[in-house]
Amino acid sequence: MSAARTITLAWTGASGMPFGLRLLECLLAAQVQVNLVYSAAAQMVAHQECDLTLPTQPREATRMLGERYGAREGQLVVYAREDWMAPMASGSNPGDAMIVCPCTMGTLGAIANGLADNLIARAGDVMLKERRPLVLVPRETPLSAIHLENMLKLARAGAVILPPAPGFYARPQSIGDLVDFVVARILDHVGVPNTLMPRWGEARGAPPPIQRA
């Protein structure tokens, strides 16, 4: 599958901002056009988990993140969460895919129930109605029945529910390896080629063959 041309990336206030930042870095390195929007809670989490202060003004955020990750001119655009004129707010210009990473249960519930009361929820709603790839990366535990019912509703509507649960068969040596495992799976689901981790069955780090009786 070829790389998607334009991807909407949303960060919300769940724990897991290292996944979101690494995902942005990889998307830009893959020459994908990224439309980014983040919540006020995501700004708090970025500061808490990564010592990163995300600007409130979209123009300043575009400049700061573009410089941080080496984006080419115009490749990254940050939108305000109430910007109803943003391209992903309409089915006439939805982009090729959308990822919410990390995804709060509040955002997941809003998309599941069609609330569309901010740009993130509206963009998710657009992806579902336009039958475009939508990947949600929820980080919460334990899961209540409400959480599970909302996930099931979204899965039935066509979304991919991808909890950030890394595998250990590649024998990770660092937190960065664990982050890359999850980011690689996200990139796979939106059609962006990557070599972040060895694949199951590859010679490097492959598990020993199963011994049968």
C-alpha atoms as a PDB file:
ATOM      1  CA  MET A   1       0.000   0.000   0.000  1.00  0.00           C
ATOM      2  CA  SER A   2       1.371   3.447  -0.878  1.00  0.00           C
ATOM      3  CA  ALA A   3       1.683   6.226   1.662  1.00  0.00           C
ATOM      4  CA  ALA A   4      -1.385   8.341   2.267  1.00  0.00           C
ATOM      5  CA  ARG A   5      -1.012  11.858   0.888  1.00  0.00           C
ATOM      6  CA  THR A   6      -2.697  13.759   3.727  1.00  0.00           C
ATOM      7  CA  ILE A   7      -3.288  12.556   7.280  1.00  0.00           C
ATOM      8  CA  THR A   8      -5.100  14.313  10.101  1.00  0.00           C
ATOM      9  CA  LEU A   9      -3.371  13.741  13.435  1.00  0.00           C
ATOM     10  CA  ALA A  10      -5.081  14.601  16.717  1.00  0.00           C
ATOM     11  CA  TRP A  11      -3.613  14.608  20.216  1.00  0.00           C
ATOM     12  CA  THR A  12      -5.944  14.502  23.202  1.00  0.00           C
ATOM     13  CA  GLY A  13      -5.438  14.384  26.953  1.00  0.00           C
ATOM     14  CA  ALA A  14      -4.799  10.687  27.518  1.00  0.00           C
ATOM     15  CA  SER A  15      -1.409   9.547  28.736  1.00  0.00           C
ATOM     16  CA  GLY A  16       0.874   8.569  25.873  1.00  0.00           C
ATOM     17  CA  MET A  17       2.151  11.779  24.325  1.00  0.00           C
ATOM     18  CA  PRO A  18       5.481  10.098  23.395  1.00  0.00           C
ATOM     19  CA  PHE A  19       3.462   7.998  20.926  1.00  0.00           C
ATOM     20  CA  GLY A  20       1.874  11.088  19.396  1.00  0.00           C
ATOM     21  CA  LEU A  21       5.150  12.970  19.048  1.00  0.00           C
ATOM     22  CA  ARG A  22       6.981  10.013  17.529  1.00  0.00           C
ATOM     23  CA  LEU A  23       4.087   9.463  15.145  1.00  0.00           C
ATOM     24  CA  LEU A  24       4.283  13.074  13.951  1.00  0.00           C
ATOM     25  CA  GLU A  25       8.033  12.709  13.452  1.00  0.00           C
ATOM     26  CA  CYS A  26       7.601   9.534  11.381  1.00  0.00           C
ATOM     27  CA  LEU A  27       4.765  10.919   9.263  1.00  0.00           C
ATOM     28  CA  LEU A  28       6.801  13.987   8.363  1.00  0.00           C
ATOM     29  CA  ALA A  29       9.870  11.868   7.605  1.00  0.00           C
ATOM     30  CA  ALA A  30       7.692   9.791   5.252  1.00  0.00           C
ATOM     31  CA  GLN A  31       6.785  12.995   3.371  1.00  0.00           C
ATOM     32  CA  VAL A  32       3.132  12.850   4.422  1.00  0.00           C
ATOM     33  CA  GLN A  33       1.147  16.096   4.620  1.00  0.00           C
ATOM     34  CA  VAL A  34       0.002  16.381   8.243  1.00  0.00           C
ATOM     35  CA  ASN A  35      -2.935  18.403   9.535  1.00  0.00           C
ATOM     36  CA  LEU A  36      -2.565  18.512  13.320  1.00  0.00           C
ATOM     37  CA  VAL A  37      -5.059  19.510  16.009  1.00  0.00           C
ATOM     38  CA  TYR A  38      -4.718  19.056  19.762  1.00  0.00           C
ATOM     39  CA  SER A  39      -6.821  19.654  22.842  1.00  0.00           C
ATOM     40  CA  ALA A  40      -6.074  21.810  25.884  1.00  0.00           C
ATOM     41  CA  ALA A  41      -5.678  18.633  27.924  1.00  0.00           C
ATOM     42  CA  ALA A  42      -3.104  17.380  25.410  1.00  0.00           C
ATOM     43  CA  GLN A  43      -1.068  20.516  26.093  1.00  0.00           C
ATOM     44  CA  MET A  44      -1.050  19.639  29.791  1.00  0.00           C
ATOM     45  CA  VAL A  45      -0.048  16.024  29.119  1.00  0.00           C
ATOM     46  CA  ALA A  46       2.759  17.079  26.754  1.00  0.00           C
ATOM     47  CA  HIS A  47       4.214  19.259  29.477  1.00  0.00           C
ATOM     48  CA  GLN A  48       3.817  16.568  32.151  1.00  0.00           C
ATOM     49  CA  GLU A  49       5.183  13.624  30.153  1.00  0.00           C
ATOM     50  CA  CYS A  50       7.650  15.243  27.743  1.00  0.00           C
ATOM     51  CA  ASP A  51       8.539  18.654  29.210  1.00  0.00           C
ATOM     52  CA  LEU A  52       7.139  20.103  25.984  1.00  0.00           C
ATOM     53  CA  THR A  53       5.114  23.312  25.938  1.00  0.00           C
ATOM     54  CA  LEU A  54       2.715  23.208  23.006  1.00  0.00           C
ATOM     55  CA  PRO A  55       1.748  26.707  21.844  1.00  0.00           C
ATOM     56  CA  THR A  56      -1.889  27.735  22.013  1.00  0.00           C
ATOM     57  CA  GLN A  57      -1.682  29.705  18.759  1.00  0.00           C
ATOM     58  CA  PRO A  58      -1.790  27.414  15.680  1.00  0.00           C
ATOM     59  CA  ARG A  59       0.680  29.510  13.695  1.00  0.00           C
ATOM     60  CA  GLU A  60       3.274  29.376  16.453  1.00  0.00           C
ATOM     61  CA  ALA A  61       2.651  25.630  16.948  1.00  0.00           C
ATOM     62  CA  THR A  62       3.154  25.039  13.217  1.00  0.00           C
ATOM     63  CA  ARG A  63       6.475  26.884  13.302  1.00  0.00           C
ATOM     64  CA  MET A  64       7.741  25.252  16.504  1.00  0.00           C
ATOM     65  CA  LEU A  65       6.818  21.660  15.626  1.00  0.00           C
ATOM     66  CA  GLY A  66       7.891  22.088  12.011  1.00  0.00           C
ATOM     67  CA  GLU A  67      11.357  23.181  13.128  1.00  0.00           C
ATOM     68  CA  ARG A  68      11.544  20.460  15.772  1.00  0.00           C
ATOM     69  CA  TYR A  69      10.860  17.671  13.262  1.00  0.00           C
ATOM     70  CA  GLY A  70      12.305  19.132  10.070  1.00  0.00           C
ATOM     71  CA  ALA A  71       9.051  19.569   8.157  1.00  0.00           C
ATOM     72  CA  ARG A  72       9.331  21.057   4.701  1.00  0.00           C
ATOM     73  CA  GLU A  73       7.505  24.288   3.969  1.00  0.00           C
ATOM     74  CA  GLY A  74       3.744  23.766   4.159  1.00  0.00           C
ATOM     75  CA  GLN A  75       3.997  20.073   5.074  1.00  0.00           C
ATOM     76  CA  LEU A  76       2.648  20.557   8.598  1.00  0.00           C
ATOM     77  CA  VAL A  77      -0.322  22.748   9.475  1.00  0.00           C
ATOM     78  CA  VAL A  78      -1.686  23.039  13.019  1.00  0.00           C
ATOM     79  CA  TYR A  79      -5.364  23.966  13.403  1.00  0.00           C
ATOM     80  CA  ALA A  80      -7.259  25.352  16.386  1.00  0.00           C
ATOM     81  CA  ARG A  81      -9.712  22.908  17.949  1.00  0.00           C
ATOM     82  CA  GLU A  82     -12.626  25.274  17.170  1.00  0.00           C
ATOM     83  CA  ASP A  83     -11.561  26.031  13.588  1.00  0.00           C
ATOM     84  CA  TRP A  84     -14.634  24.957  11.655  1.00  0.00           C
ATOM     85  CA  MET A  85     -13.063  26.112   8.383  1.00  0.00           C
ATOM     86  CA  ALA A  86     -10.268  23.533   8.672  1.00  0.00           C
ATOM     87  CA  PRO A  87     -10.278  21.084   5.729  1.00  0.00           C
ATOM     88  CA  MET A  88     -10.963  17.987   7.840  1.00  0.00           C
ATOM     89  CA  ALA A  89     -14.211  19.513   9.154  1.00  0.00           C
ATOM     90  CA  SER A  90     -15.930  18.724   5.837  1.00  0.00           C
ATOM     91  CA  GLY A  91     -16.499  15.575   3.863  1.00  0.00           C
ATOM     92  CA  SER A  92     -15.509  17.509   0.735  1.00  0.00           C
ATOM     93  CA  ASN A  93     -11.873  17.599   1.932  1.00  0.00           C
ATOM     94  CA  PRO A  94     -11.364  14.912   4.601  1.00  0.00           C
ATOM     95  CA  GLY A  95      -7.836  13.759   3.815  1.00  0.00           C
ATOM     96  CA  ASP A  96      -6.718  10.173   3.335  1.00  0.00           C
ATOM     97  CA  ALA A  97      -6.789   9.016   6.965  1.00  0.00           C
ATOM     98  CA  MET A  98      -7.058  10.236  10.546  1.00  0.00           C
ATOM     99  CA  ILE A  99      -5.273   9.139  13.720  1.00  0.00           C
ATOM    100  CA  VAL A 100      -6.163  10.136  17.270  1.00  0.00           C
ATOM    101  CA  CYS A 101      -3.091   9.314  19.372  1.00  0.00           C
ATOM    102  CA  PRO A 102      -3.319   9.401  22.293  1.00  0.00           C
ATOM    103  CA  CYS A 103      -7.107   9.195  22.455  1.00  0.00           C
ATOM    104  CA  THR A 104      -9.088   9.908  25.609  1.00  0.00           C
ATOM    105  CA  MET A 105     -12.215   7.953  26.398  1.00  0.00           C
ATOM    106  CA  GLY A 106     -14.082  11.257  26.217  1.00  0.00           C
ATOM    107  CA  THR A 107     -12.954  11.813  22.626  1.00  0.00           C
ATOM    108  CA  LEU A 108     -13.647   8.188  21.764  1.00  0.00           C
ATOM    109  CA  GLY A 109     -17.149   8.482  23.218  1.00  0.00           C
ATOM    110  CA  ALA A 110     -17.808  11.744  21.397  1.00  0.00           C
ATOM    111  CA  ILE A 111     -16.875  10.218  18.042  1.00  0.00           C
ATOM    112  CA  ALA A 112     -18.815   7.023  18.787  1.00  0.00           C
ATOM    113  CA  ASN A 113     -21.956   9.032  19.456  1.00  0.00           C
ATOM    114  CA  GLY A 114     -21.613  11.605  16.696  1.00  0.00           C
ATOM    115  CA  LEU A 115     -21.305  14.658  18.965  1.00  0.00           C
ATOM    116  CA  ALA A 116     -18.964  16.583  16.617  1.00  0.00           C
ATOM    117  CA  ASP A 117     -18.736  19.437  19.153  1.00  0.00           C
ATOM    118  CA  ASN A 118     -15.086  20.298  18.417  1.00  0.00           C
ATOM    119  CA  LEU A 119     -12.777  19.880  15.439  1.00  0.00           C
ATOM    120  CA  ILE A 120     -11.319  16.578  16.638  1.00  0.00           C
ATOM    121  CA  ALA A 121     -14.702  14.915  17.144  1.00  0.00           C
ATOM    122  CA  ARG A 122     -16.063  16.444  13.932  1.00  0.00           C
ATOM    123  CA  ALA A 123     -13.074  15.250  11.912  1.00  0.00           C
ATOM    124  CA  GLY A 124     -13.538  11.725  13.295  1.00  0.00           C
ATOM    125  CA  ASP A 125     -17.221  11.876  12.403  1.00  0.00           C
ATOM    126  CA  VAL A 126     -16.300  12.930   8.863  1.00  0.00           C
ATOM    127  CA  MET A 127     -13.902  10.013   8.435  1.00  0.00           C
ATOM    128  CA  LEU A 128     -16.579   7.521   9.449  1.00  0.00           C
ATOM    129  CA  LYS A 129     -19.276   8.934   7.169  1.00  0.00           C
ATOM    130  CA  GLU A 130     -16.848   9.183   4.244  1.00  0.00           C
ATOM    131  CA  ARG A 131     -15.579   5.625   4.844  1.00  0.00           C
ATOM    132  CA  ARG A 132     -11.984   6.780   5.302  1.00  0.00           C
ATOM    133  CA  PRO A 133      -9.454   5.120   7.653  1.00  0.00           C
ATOM    134  CA  LEU A 134      -9.819   6.251  11.269  1.00  0.00           C
ATOM    135  CA  VAL A 135      -7.356   4.897  13.858  1.00  0.00           C
ATOM    136  CA  LEU A 136      -8.008   5.540  17.544  1.00  0.00           C
ATOM    137  CA  VAL A 137      -5.265   4.853  20.090  1.00  0.00           C
ATOM    138  CA  PRO A 138      -6.990   4.807  23.506  1.00  0.00           C
ATOM    139  CA  ARG A 139      -4.938   4.664  26.701  1.00  0.00           C
ATOM    140  CA  GLU A 140      -7.065   3.781  29.706  1.00  0.00           C
ATOM    141  CA  THR A 141      -7.195   0.912  32.167  1.00  0.00           C
ATOM    142  CA  PRO A 142      -9.244  -0.775  33.386  1.00  0.00           C
ATOM    143  CA  LEU A 143     -11.997  -0.419  30.788  1.00  0.00           C
ATOM    144  CA  SER A 144     -15.588   0.098  31.864  1.00  0.00           C
ATOM    145  CA  ALA A 145     -18.566  -1.376  30.041  1.00  0.00           C
ATOM    146  CA  ILE A 146     -19.224   2.098  28.602  1.00  0.00           C
ATOM    147  CA  HIS A 147     -15.699   2.255  27.170  1.00  0.00           C
ATOM    148  CA  LEU A 148     -16.042  -1.206  25.645  1.00  0.00           C
ATOM    149  CA  GLU A 149     -19.462  -0.482  24.176  1.00  0.00           C
ATOM    150  CA  ASN A 150     -18.177   2.709  22.558  1.00  0.00           C
ATOM    151  CA  MET A 151     -15.189   0.841  21.115  1.00  0.00           C
ATOM    152  CA  LEU A 152     -17.456  -1.854  19.712  1.00  0.00           C
ATOM    153  CA  LYS A 153     -19.738   0.764  18.178  1.00  0.00           C
ATOM    154  CA  LEU A 154     -16.761   2.423  16.494  1.00  0.00           C
ATOM    155  CA  ALA A 155     -15.276  -0.861  15.293  1.00  0.00           C
ATOM    156  CA  ARG A 156     -18.606  -1.752  13.706  1.00  0.00           C
ATOM    157  CA  ALA A 157     -18.662   1.686  12.047  1.00  0.00           C
ATOM    158  CA  GLY A 158     -15.259   1.014  10.476  1.00  0.00           C
ATOM    159  CA  ALA A 159     -12.740   2.547  12.882  1.00  0.00           C
ATOM    160  CA  VAL A 160      -9.582   0.741  13.983  1.00  0.00           C
ATOM    161  CA  ILE A 161      -9.218   0.546  17.757  1.00  0.00           C
ATOM    162  CA  LEU A 162      -5.487   0.245  18.415  1.00  0.00           C
ATOM    163  CA  PRO A 163      -4.558   0.366  22.117  1.00  0.00           C
ATOM    164  CA  PRO A 164      -0.868   1.198  22.681  1.00  0.00           C
ATOM    165  CA  ALA A 165       0.020  -2.316  23.848  1.00  0.00           C
ATOM    166  CA  PRO A 166       3.557  -3.175  22.671  1.00  0.00           C
ATOM    167  CA  GLY A 167       4.665  -6.709  21.928  1.00  0.00           C
ATOM    168  CA  PHE A 168       7.864  -8.109  23.383  1.00  0.00           C
ATOM    169  CA  TYR A 169       8.857 -10.691  20.748  1.00  0.00           C
ATOM    170  CA  ALA A 170      11.279  -8.175  19.200  1.00  0.00           C
ATOM    171  CA  ARG A 171      13.043  -7.976  22.587  1.00  0.00           C
ATOM    172  CA  PRO A 172      12.823  -4.214  23.166  1.00  0.00           C
ATOM    173  CA  GLN A 173      15.809  -2.641  24.893  1.00  0.00           C
ATOM    174  CA  SER A 174      14.397   0.807  25.677  1.00  0.00           C
ATOM    175  CA  ILE A 175      11.235   2.829  26.098  1.00  0.00           C
ATOM    176  CA  GLY A 176      11.893   4.127  22.590  1.00  0.00           C
ATOM    177  CA  ASP A 177      11.659   0.567  21.258  1.00  0.00           C
ATOM    178  CA  LEU A 178       8.276   0.127  22.961  1.00  0.00           C
ATOM    179  CA  VAL A 179       7.033   3.397  21.504  1.00  0.00           C
ATOM    180  CA  ASP A 180       8.238   2.449  18.024  1.00  0.00           C
ATOM    181  CA  PHE A 181       6.408  -0.893  18.184  1.00  0.00           C
ATOM    182  CA  VAL A 182       3.078   0.882  18.628  1.00  0.00           C
ATOM    183  CA  VAL A 183       3.848   3.647  16.137  1.00  0.00           C
ATOM    184  CA  ALA A 184       4.803   1.038  13.519  1.00  0.00           C
ATOM    185  CA  ARG A 185       1.413  -0.645  13.884  1.00  0.00           C
ATOM    186  CA  ILE A 186      -0.366   2.698  13.530  1.00  0.00           C
ATOM    187  CA  LEU A 187       1.609   3.551  10.398  1.00  0.00           C
ATOM    188  CA  ASP A 188       0.773   0.141   8.935  1.00  0.00           C
ATOM    189  CA  HIS A 189      -2.938   0.844   9.302  1.00  0.00           C
ATOM    190  CA  VAL A 190      -2.767   4.152   7.450  1.00  0.00           C
ATOM    191  CA  GLY A 191      -0.564   2.806   4.674  1.00  0.00           C
ATOM    192  CA  VAL A 192       2.715   4.537   5.556  1.00  0.00           C
ATOM    193  CA  PRO A 193       5.727   2.232   4.979  1.00  0.00           C
ATOM    194  CA  ASN A 194       8.173   2.029   7.855  1.00  0.00           C
ATOM    195  CA  THR A 195      11.070   0.008   9.236  1.00  0.00           C
ATOM    196  CA  LEU A 196      10.694   0.925  12.896  1.00  0.00           C
ATOM    197  CA  MET A 197      10.785  -2.650  14.141  1.00  0.00           C
ATOM    198  CA  PRO A 198      11.593  -6.167  12.976  1.00  0.00           C
ATOM    199  CA  ARG A 199       8.548  -8.045  11.733  1.00  0.00           C
ATOM    200  CA  TRP A 200       7.380 -11.378  13.073  1.00  0.00           C
ATOM    201  CA  GLY A 201       9.293 -14.177  11.382  1.00  0.00           C
ATOM    202  CA  GLU A 202      12.168 -11.989  10.210  1.00  0.00           C
ATOM    203  CA  ALA A 203      15.645 -13.284  10.970  1.00  0.00           C
ATOM    204  CA  ARG A 204      16.588 -10.405  13.281  1.00  0.00           C
ATOM    205  CA  GLY A 205      15.094 -11.121  16.659  1.00  0.00           C
ATOM    206  CA  ALA A 206      12.923 -13.979  15.380  1.00  0.00           C
ATOM    207  CA  PRO A 207      11.728 -16.377  18.078  1.00  0.00           C
ATOM    208  CA  PRO A 208      12.923 -19.994  18.034  1.00  0.00           C
ATOM    209  CA  PRO A 209      10.738 -22.477  16.121  1.00  0.00           C
ATOM    210  CA  ILE A 210       7.929 -24.132  18.023  1.00  0.00           C
ATOM    211  CA  GLN A 211       8.802 -27.693  19.062  1.00  0.00           C
ATOM    212  CA  ARG A 212       5.973 -30.093  18.336  1.00  0.00           C
ATOM    213  CA  ALA A 213       5.501 -33.383  20.119  1.00  0.00           C
END
